[in-house]
Protein backbone atom coordinates (compact mmCIF):
# COMPACT_ATOMS: atom_id res chain seq x y z
CA MET A 1 67.01 -161.53 -105.90
CA ASN A 2 69.25 -163.97 -104.16
CA VAL A 3 69.76 -164.28 -100.40
CA ARG A 4 73.13 -162.51 -100.41
CA ARG A 5 71.73 -159.40 -102.08
CA LYS A 6 68.76 -159.33 -99.70
CA LYS A 7 71.13 -159.36 -96.70
CA ARG A 8 73.22 -156.54 -98.18
CA LEU A 9 70.10 -154.49 -98.91
CA ALA A 10 68.76 -155.05 -95.38
CA LEU A 11 72.15 -154.05 -93.90
CA ALA A 12 72.29 -150.88 -96.03
CA VAL A 13 68.73 -149.89 -95.08
CA ALA A 14 69.43 -150.52 -91.38
CA LEU A 15 72.66 -148.48 -91.57
CA ILE A 16 70.90 -145.53 -93.25
CA ALA A 17 68.03 -145.66 -90.73
CA GLY A 18 70.51 -145.73 -87.82
CA VAL A 19 72.46 -142.75 -89.13
CA ALA A 20 69.20 -140.82 -89.66
CA ALA A 21 68.04 -141.63 -86.12
CA ILE A 22 71.36 -140.54 -84.59
CA ALA A 23 71.36 -137.31 -86.63
CA SER A 24 67.80 -136.45 -85.60
CA LEU A 25 68.55 -137.09 -81.91
CA LEU A 26 71.67 -134.95 -82.14
CA LEU A 27 69.78 -132.07 -83.75
CA TYR A 28 67.03 -132.32 -81.13
CA ALA A 29 69.59 -132.16 -78.30
CA LEU A 30 71.37 -129.18 -79.84
CA ASN A 31 68.11 -127.34 -80.41
CA SER A 32 67.03 -127.71 -76.78
CA ASN A 33 70.33 -126.17 -75.59
CA LEU A 34 70.11 -123.15 -77.90
CA ASN A 35 70.18 -119.72 -76.24
CA LEU A 36 69.03 -117.00 -78.60
CA PHE A 37 69.88 -113.33 -78.02
CA TYR A 38 67.01 -110.85 -78.05
CA THR A 39 66.60 -107.16 -77.34
CA PRO A 40 63.53 -105.92 -75.43
CA THR A 41 62.02 -104.68 -78.72
CA GLU A 42 62.49 -108.11 -80.33
CA ILE A 43 60.77 -109.78 -77.37
CA VAL A 44 57.78 -107.44 -77.66
CA GLN A 45 57.56 -107.08 -81.47
CA GLY A 46 59.51 -110.05 -82.84
CA LYS A 47 62.84 -110.35 -84.67
CA ARG A 48 63.44 -107.63 -87.25
CA ASP A 49 64.15 -109.94 -90.17
CA THR A 50 61.62 -112.72 -89.50
CA GLY A 51 59.06 -111.21 -87.12
CA VAL A 52 59.26 -114.35 -84.96
CA LEU A 53 58.42 -113.82 -81.29
CA PRO A 54 60.13 -115.91 -78.61
CA GLU A 55 57.88 -118.55 -77.09
CA ILE A 56 56.80 -118.62 -73.46
CA GLY A 57 59.08 -121.08 -71.66
CA GLN A 58 61.92 -120.59 -74.14
CA ARG A 59 65.43 -120.06 -72.76
CA ILE A 60 66.83 -116.79 -74.10
CA ARG A 61 69.37 -114.05 -73.44
CA VAL A 62 68.26 -110.44 -73.38
CA GLY A 63 70.51 -107.41 -73.44
CA GLY A 64 69.86 -103.75 -72.83
CA MET A 65 70.11 -100.96 -70.30
CA VAL A 66 68.68 -101.17 -66.79
CA THR A 67 65.93 -98.55 -66.53
CA MET A 68 66.61 -95.90 -63.90
CA GLY A 69 64.32 -96.20 -60.87
CA SER A 70 62.95 -99.59 -61.89
CA MET A 71 64.78 -101.85 -59.43
CA VAL A 72 62.63 -103.31 -56.66
CA ARG A 73 64.24 -105.50 -53.98
CA ASP A 74 62.43 -107.83 -51.60
CA PRO A 75 63.75 -107.01 -48.09
CA GLU A 76 63.12 -110.60 -46.91
CA SER A 77 65.01 -112.44 -49.67
CA LEU A 78 67.42 -112.04 -52.58
CA HIS A 79 64.54 -111.54 -55.05
CA VAL A 80 64.99 -108.47 -57.23
CA GLU A 81 62.96 -107.15 -60.14
CA PHE A 82 64.09 -104.52 -62.64
CA ALA A 83 63.25 -103.27 -66.12
CA VAL A 84 65.56 -103.48 -69.13
CA HIS A 85 65.09 -101.22 -72.16
CA ASP A 86 66.74 -100.58 -75.50
CA SER A 87 67.15 -97.56 -77.76
CA LEU A 88 63.75 -98.12 -79.40
CA GLY A 89 61.97 -97.66 -76.07
CA SER A 90 60.64 -101.17 -75.51
CA GLU A 91 60.97 -102.49 -72.00
CA ILE A 92 60.76 -105.90 -70.32
CA ILE A 93 60.78 -106.91 -66.66
CA VAL A 94 63.54 -109.19 -65.38
CA THR A 95 63.19 -111.09 -62.11
CA TYR A 96 66.23 -112.62 -60.42
CA ASP A 97 66.53 -114.64 -57.20
CA ASP A 98 70.26 -114.52 -56.50
CA LEU A 99 73.05 -112.05 -55.77
CA LEU A 100 73.52 -109.46 -58.48
CA PRO A 101 77.05 -108.79 -59.77
CA ASP A 102 79.01 -106.16 -57.85
CA LEU A 103 79.08 -103.86 -60.88
CA PHE A 104 75.32 -104.03 -61.45
CA ARG A 105 73.51 -100.71 -61.18
CA GLU A 106 70.68 -98.82 -62.82
CA GLY A 107 71.46 -97.08 -66.09
CA GLN A 108 74.09 -99.55 -67.32
CA GLY A 109 74.18 -102.30 -69.91
CA ILE A 110 73.51 -105.88 -68.86
CA VAL A 111 72.86 -109.28 -70.37
CA ALA A 112 70.37 -111.54 -68.58
CA GLN A 113 69.94 -115.20 -69.39
CA GLY A 114 66.82 -117.06 -68.37
CA ILE A 115 63.37 -118.31 -69.28
CA LEU A 116 60.63 -116.15 -70.75
CA ILE A 117 57.67 -116.61 -68.38
CA GLU A 118 55.30 -114.04 -69.91
CA GLY A 119 55.29 -111.87 -73.01
CA GLY A 120 57.37 -109.16 -71.36
CA LYS A 121 58.81 -110.91 -68.31
CA LEU A 122 62.02 -112.94 -67.97
CA GLN A 123 62.93 -115.16 -65.01
CA ALA A 124 66.72 -114.80 -65.07
CA THR A 125 69.12 -117.56 -64.05
CA GLU A 126 72.18 -115.40 -64.71
CA VAL A 127 72.79 -111.65 -64.89
CA LEU A 128 76.00 -110.28 -66.37
CA ALA A 129 77.06 -106.65 -65.93
CA LYS A 130 79.64 -104.80 -67.97
CA HIS A 131 83.08 -104.87 -66.41
CA ASP A 132 84.07 -101.21 -66.73
CA GLU A 133 82.52 -97.90 -67.70
CA ASN A 134 83.62 -98.03 -71.36
CA TYR A 135 82.91 -101.63 -72.33
CA MET A 136 79.58 -102.96 -73.52
CA PRO A 137 79.11 -106.45 -75.02
CA PRO A 138 79.00 -106.20 -78.83
CA GLU A 139 75.48 -107.67 -78.97
CA VAL A 140 74.18 -105.08 -76.51
CA ALA A 141 76.05 -102.24 -78.24
CA GLU A 142 74.56 -103.25 -81.59
CA ALA A 143 71.11 -103.52 -80.07
CA MET A 144 71.45 -100.11 -78.45
CA GLY A 145 72.57 -98.56 -81.74
CA GLN A 146 76.03 -97.65 -80.51
CA THR A 147 79.34 -98.50 -82.11
CA HIS A 148 81.59 -100.98 -80.38
CA GLU A 149 85.04 -99.41 -80.39
CA LYS A 150 88.36 -100.60 -79.08
CA LEU A 151 89.48 -98.73 -75.97
CA ASP A 152 92.16 -96.08 -76.49
CA TYR A 153 94.27 -95.91 -73.33
CA LYS A 154 96.55 -92.97 -72.59
CA THR A 155 100.21 -93.50 -71.70
CA GLU A 156 99.53 -92.72 -68.03
CA GLN A 157 96.82 -95.37 -67.92
CA LYS A 158 99.07 -98.01 -69.49
CA SER A 159 101.81 -97.46 -66.91
CA GLY A 160 99.35 -98.00 -64.08
CA TYR A 161 98.89 -94.45 -62.76
């Protein structure tokens, strides 16, 4: 093999190794920013199709209904703790250290995003509440076993009163 071919081969190998390194770094960065959606049952029992449980310390989103009578507020701070359940009866505890949305209340659908700190406990960084009495996020509606339907407004509602 002559010198020219050796240089071309070395350049091709270096180029392929560089592209592989960049691709692996990109995939690693994307994987660390992934937020997976779970229901309380999937957190307790694992995903339906794979049976995979979320790992402790993993950043996830959980959706379900706030259990009636489960909200406990700390009178000295903004810390609040409440339970979220789904239609299958599983329940997890969500802790949150900030102001809850104005529309948040017990018995309604929510989505909480945060870090799983125990098998059935989520430290939330964000809590989203539904924006009116008829809407529920499609993921939560599917998890709760309800159909997600388009709202059907009456003529009086469309005109404003």
